[in-house]
C-alpha atoms as a PDB file:
ATOM      1  CA  MET A   1      74.775 127.497  61.451  1.00  0.00           C
ATOM      2  CA  ALA A   2      77.965 125.182  61.965  1.00  0.00           C
ATOM      3  CA  ASP A   3      78.054 123.311  64.921  1.00  0.00           C
ATOM      4  CA  MET A   4      80.503 123.573  67.526  1.00  0.00           C
ATOM      5  CA  PRO A   5      83.578 121.516  66.154  1.00  0.00           C
ATOM      6  CA  GLU A   6      83.959 118.164  67.720  1.00  0.00           C
ATOM      7  CA  THR A   7      87.329 119.239  69.117  1.00  0.00           C
ATOM      8  CA  SER A   8      88.072 122.762  70.091  1.00  0.00           C
ATOM      9  CA  PRO A   9      90.975 124.516  71.480  1.00  0.00           C
ATOM     10  CA  LEU A  10      89.022 127.235  72.815  1.00  0.00           C
ATOM     11  CA  PRO A  11      87.472 126.713  76.664  1.00  0.00           C
ATOM     12  CA  PRO A  12      83.715 124.850  76.457  1.00  0.00           C
ATOM     13  CA  GLU A  13      82.130 127.369  77.577  1.00  0.00           C
ATOM     14  CA  LEU A  14      83.667 130.116  74.751  1.00  0.00           C
ATOM     15  CA  ALA A  15      83.289 127.232  72.120  1.00  0.00           C
ATOM     16  CA  ALA A  16      79.616 126.643  73.037  1.00  0.00           C
ATOM     17  CA  GLY A  17      79.068 130.183  72.937  1.00  0.00           C
ATOM     18  CA  LEU A  18      80.212 130.825  69.306  1.00  0.00           C
ATOM     19  CA  LYS A  19      77.608 131.028  66.643  1.00  0.00           C
ATOM     20  CA  ARG A  20      79.651 129.941  63.291  1.00  0.00           C
ATOM     21  CA  ASP A  21      78.689 130.151  59.949  1.00  0.00           C
ATOM     22  CA  ASP A  22      78.403 127.356  57.445  1.00  0.00           C
ATOM     23  CA  HIS A  23      81.849 127.289  57.217  1.00  0.00           C
ATOM     24  CA  GLY A  24      82.453 127.431  60.808  1.00  0.00           C
ATOM     25  CA  LEU A  25      83.682 131.127  61.195  1.00  0.00           C
ATOM     26  CA  VAL A  26      82.580 133.820  63.450  1.00  0.00           C
ATOM     27  CA  ALA A  27      83.235 137.628  61.563  1.00  0.00           C
ATOM     28  CA  ALA A  28      85.945 139.409  63.930  1.00  0.00           C
ATOM     29  CA  VAL A  29      85.741 143.247  63.643  1.00  0.00           C
ATOM     30  CA  ILE A  30      89.307 144.799  64.486  1.00  0.00           C
ATOM     31  CA  GLN A  31      89.084 147.960  66.149  1.00  0.00           C
ATOM     32  CA  GLN A  32      92.585 150.735  67.016  1.00  0.00           C
ATOM     33  CA  HIS A  33      91.933 149.930  71.013  1.00  0.00           C
ATOM     34  CA  ASP A  34      92.553 153.758  71.557  1.00  0.00           C
ATOM     35  CA  THR A  35      90.876 155.650  69.125  1.00  0.00           C
ATOM     36  CA  GLY A  36      87.953 153.415  68.458  1.00  0.00           C
ATOM     37  CA  GLU A  37      88.663 153.675  64.649  1.00  0.00           C
ATOM     38  CA  VAL A  38      86.904 150.181  63.124  1.00  0.00           C
ATOM     39  CA  LEU A  39      90.274 149.096  61.057  1.00  0.00           C
ATOM     40  CA  MET A  40      88.928 145.913  58.935  1.00  0.00           C
ATOM     41  CA  LEU A  41      86.769 142.843  59.494  1.00  0.00           C
ATOM     42  CA  GLY A  42      88.395 139.448  59.266  1.00  0.00           C
ATOM     43  CA  TRP A  43      86.920 136.017  59.957  1.00  0.00           C
ATOM     44  CA  MET A  44      88.026 133.093  62.538  1.00  0.00           C
ATOM     45  CA  ASP A  45      87.443 129.695  63.335  1.00  0.00           C
ATOM     46  CA  ASP A  46      88.331 128.148  66.602  1.00  0.00           C
ATOM     47  CA  GLU A  47      91.630 127.471  66.400  1.00  0.00           C
ATOM     48  CA  ALA A  48      92.446 131.299  64.461  1.00  0.00           C
ATOM     49  CA  LEU A  49      90.527 132.453  67.979  1.00  0.00           C
ATOM     50  CA  HIS A  50      92.717 130.504  70.400  1.00  0.00           C
ATOM     51  CA  ARG A  51      95.538 131.714  68.620  1.00  0.00           C
ATOM     52  CA  THR A  52      94.860 135.595  68.824  1.00  0.00           C
ATOM     53  CA  LEU A  53      93.623 134.911  72.764  1.00  0.00           C
ATOM     54  CA  THR A  54      97.043 133.225  73.545  1.00  0.00           C
ATOM     55  CA  THR A  55      99.848 135.148  71.232  1.00  0.00           C
ATOM     56  CA  GLY A  56      98.881 138.117  71.555  1.00  0.00           C
ATOM     57  CA  ARG A  57      98.951 138.911  67.561  1.00  0.00           C
ATOM     58  CA  VAL A  58      95.565 138.864  65.511  1.00  0.00           C
ATOM     59  CA  THR A  59      95.288 135.409  63.243  1.00  0.00           C
ATOM     60  CA  PHE A  60      92.546 135.088  60.673  1.00  0.00           C
ATOM     61  CA  TRP A  61      91.206 132.104  58.636  1.00  0.00           C
ATOM     62  CA  SER A  62      91.801 133.382  55.036  1.00  0.00           C
ATOM     63  CA  ARG A  63      88.569 132.080  53.146  1.00  0.00           C
ATOM     64  CA  SER A  64      90.118 132.560  49.852  1.00  0.00           C
ATOM     65  CA  ARG A  65      93.123 130.763  50.366  1.00  0.00           C
ATOM     66  CA  GLY A  66      92.125 128.158  52.700  1.00  0.00           C
ATOM     67  CA  GLU A  67      94.700 128.569  55.581  1.00  0.00           C
ATOM     68  CA  TYR A  68      95.479 131.056  58.393  1.00  0.00           C
ATOM     69  CA  TRP A  69      97.131 134.006  58.231  1.00  0.00           C
ATOM     70  CA  ARG A  70      98.970 136.575  61.146  1.00  0.00           C
ATOM     71  CA  LYS A  71      98.410 140.033  60.491  1.00  0.00           C
ATOM     72  CA  GLY A  72     101.957 141.534  59.748  1.00  0.00           C
ATOM     73  CA  ASP A  73     103.675 138.507  58.869  1.00  0.00           C
ATOM     74  CA  THR A  74     104.701 139.441  55.353  1.00  0.00           C
ATOM     75  CA  SER A  75     103.847 142.936  55.689  1.00  0.00           C
ATOM     76  CA  GLY A  76     105.067 143.868  58.946  1.00  0.00           C
ATOM     77  CA  HIS A  77     101.553 145.771  59.564  1.00  0.00           C
ATOM     78  CA  VAL A  78     101.404 144.005  63.080  1.00  0.00           C
ATOM     79  CA  GLN A  79      98.105 144.034  65.276  1.00  0.00           C
ATOM     80  CA  HIS A  80      99.126 143.428  68.578  1.00  0.00           C
ATOM     81  CA  VAL A  81      95.966 142.239  70.843  1.00  0.00           C
ATOM     82  CA  LYS A  82      94.887 144.789  73.540  1.00  0.00           C
ATOM     83  CA  SER A  83      91.413 143.187  73.793  1.00  0.00           C
ATOM     84  CA  VAL A  84      88.692 140.897  72.657  1.00  0.00           C
ATOM     85  CA  ALA A  85      84.873 140.594  73.305  1.00  0.00           C
ATOM     86  CA  ILE A  86      82.112 138.505  72.099  1.00  0.00           C
ATOM     87  CA  ASP A  87      79.269 139.917  71.188  1.00  0.00           C
ATOM     88  CA  CYS A  88      75.503 139.264  72.809  1.00  0.00           C
ATOM     89  CA  ASP A  89      74.274 136.839  70.182  1.00  0.00           C
ATOM     90  CA  GLY A  90      77.797 134.833  70.175  1.00  0.00           C
ATOM     91  CA  ASP A  91      78.096 135.128  66.387  1.00  0.00           C
ATOM     92  CA  ALA A  92      80.598 138.613  65.809  1.00  0.00           C
ATOM     93  CA  LEU A  93      84.018 139.555  68.130  1.00  0.00           C
ATOM     94  CA  LEU A  94      85.524 142.850  68.899  1.00  0.00           C
ATOM     95  CA  VAL A  95      89.521 142.742  68.596  1.00  0.00           C
ATOM     96  CA  ARG A  96      90.948 145.977  70.224  1.00  0.00           C
ATOM     97  CA  VAL A  97      94.102 146.669  68.771  1.00  0.00           C
ATOM     98  CA  ASP A  98      97.205 148.212  68.503  1.00  0.00           C
ATOM     99  CA  GLN A  99      97.787 148.520  64.710  1.00  0.00           C
ATOM    100  CA  VAL A 100     100.934 149.161  63.899  1.00  0.00           C
ATOM    101  CA  GLY A 101     100.782 150.434  60.188  1.00  0.00           C
ATOM    102  CA  ALA A 102      97.983 150.088  57.651  1.00  0.00           C
ATOM    103  CA  ALA A 103      95.677 147.522  58.399  1.00  0.00           C
ATOM    104  CA  CYS A 104      94.270 147.454  54.728  1.00  0.00           C
ATOM    105  CA  HIS A 105      95.807 145.298  51.922  1.00  0.00           C
ATOM    106  CA  THR A 106      95.702 148.080  49.840  1.00  0.00           C
ATOM    107  CA  GLY A 107      98.014 150.446  51.897  1.00  0.00           C
ATOM    108  CA  GLU A 108      95.308 152.161  53.584  1.00  0.00           C
ATOM    109  CA  ARG A 109      95.583 152.480  57.135  1.00  0.00           C
ATOM    110  CA  THR A 110      91.959 151.145  57.715  1.00  0.00           C
ATOM    111  CA  CYS A 111      89.474 149.193  55.128  1.00  0.00           C
ATOM    112  CA  PHE A 112      86.414 151.943  55.634  1.00  0.00           C
ATOM    113  CA  PHE A 113      87.989 154.219  53.602  1.00  0.00           C
ATOM    114  CA  THR A 114      85.163 154.633  50.857  1.00  0.00           C
ATOM    115  CA  ASP A 115      82.074 156.747  52.164  1.00  0.00           C
ATOM    116  CA  LEU A 116      79.148 155.938  50.073  1.00  0.00           C
ATOM    117  CA  GLU A 117      76.028 158.606  50.211  1.00  0.00           C
ATOM    118  CA  VAL A 118      73.536 158.760  52.078  1.00  0.00           C
ATOM    119  CA  THR A 119      69.891 160.099  50.810  1.00  0.00           C
ATOM    120  CA  ARG A 120      66.976 160.794  52.747  1.00  0.00           C
END
């Protein structure tokens, strides 16, 4: 688990409450605010969370590109932040949004469009 960064743009009590992975990231589940539909999962560090909380648009840290990205800047499929909650352990965030267009890079409304067979 990664420790709190030496300098964080977040309020001290929030920064201290986050449990980051070895790369300083926290999972962020993105949910449509009015339907409850789970749209996607992204990753945030302290700066991405700060930007999300202060700009009204969701910002992620791209693990593959090694840079910040704001959902919708290139696709137009914007996520307007309605609320952000931290889970009881501090290791995940729930970001409720108003999604404009597709949430998935494949063009699907949600990234969770492949159902798996459940056998009992």
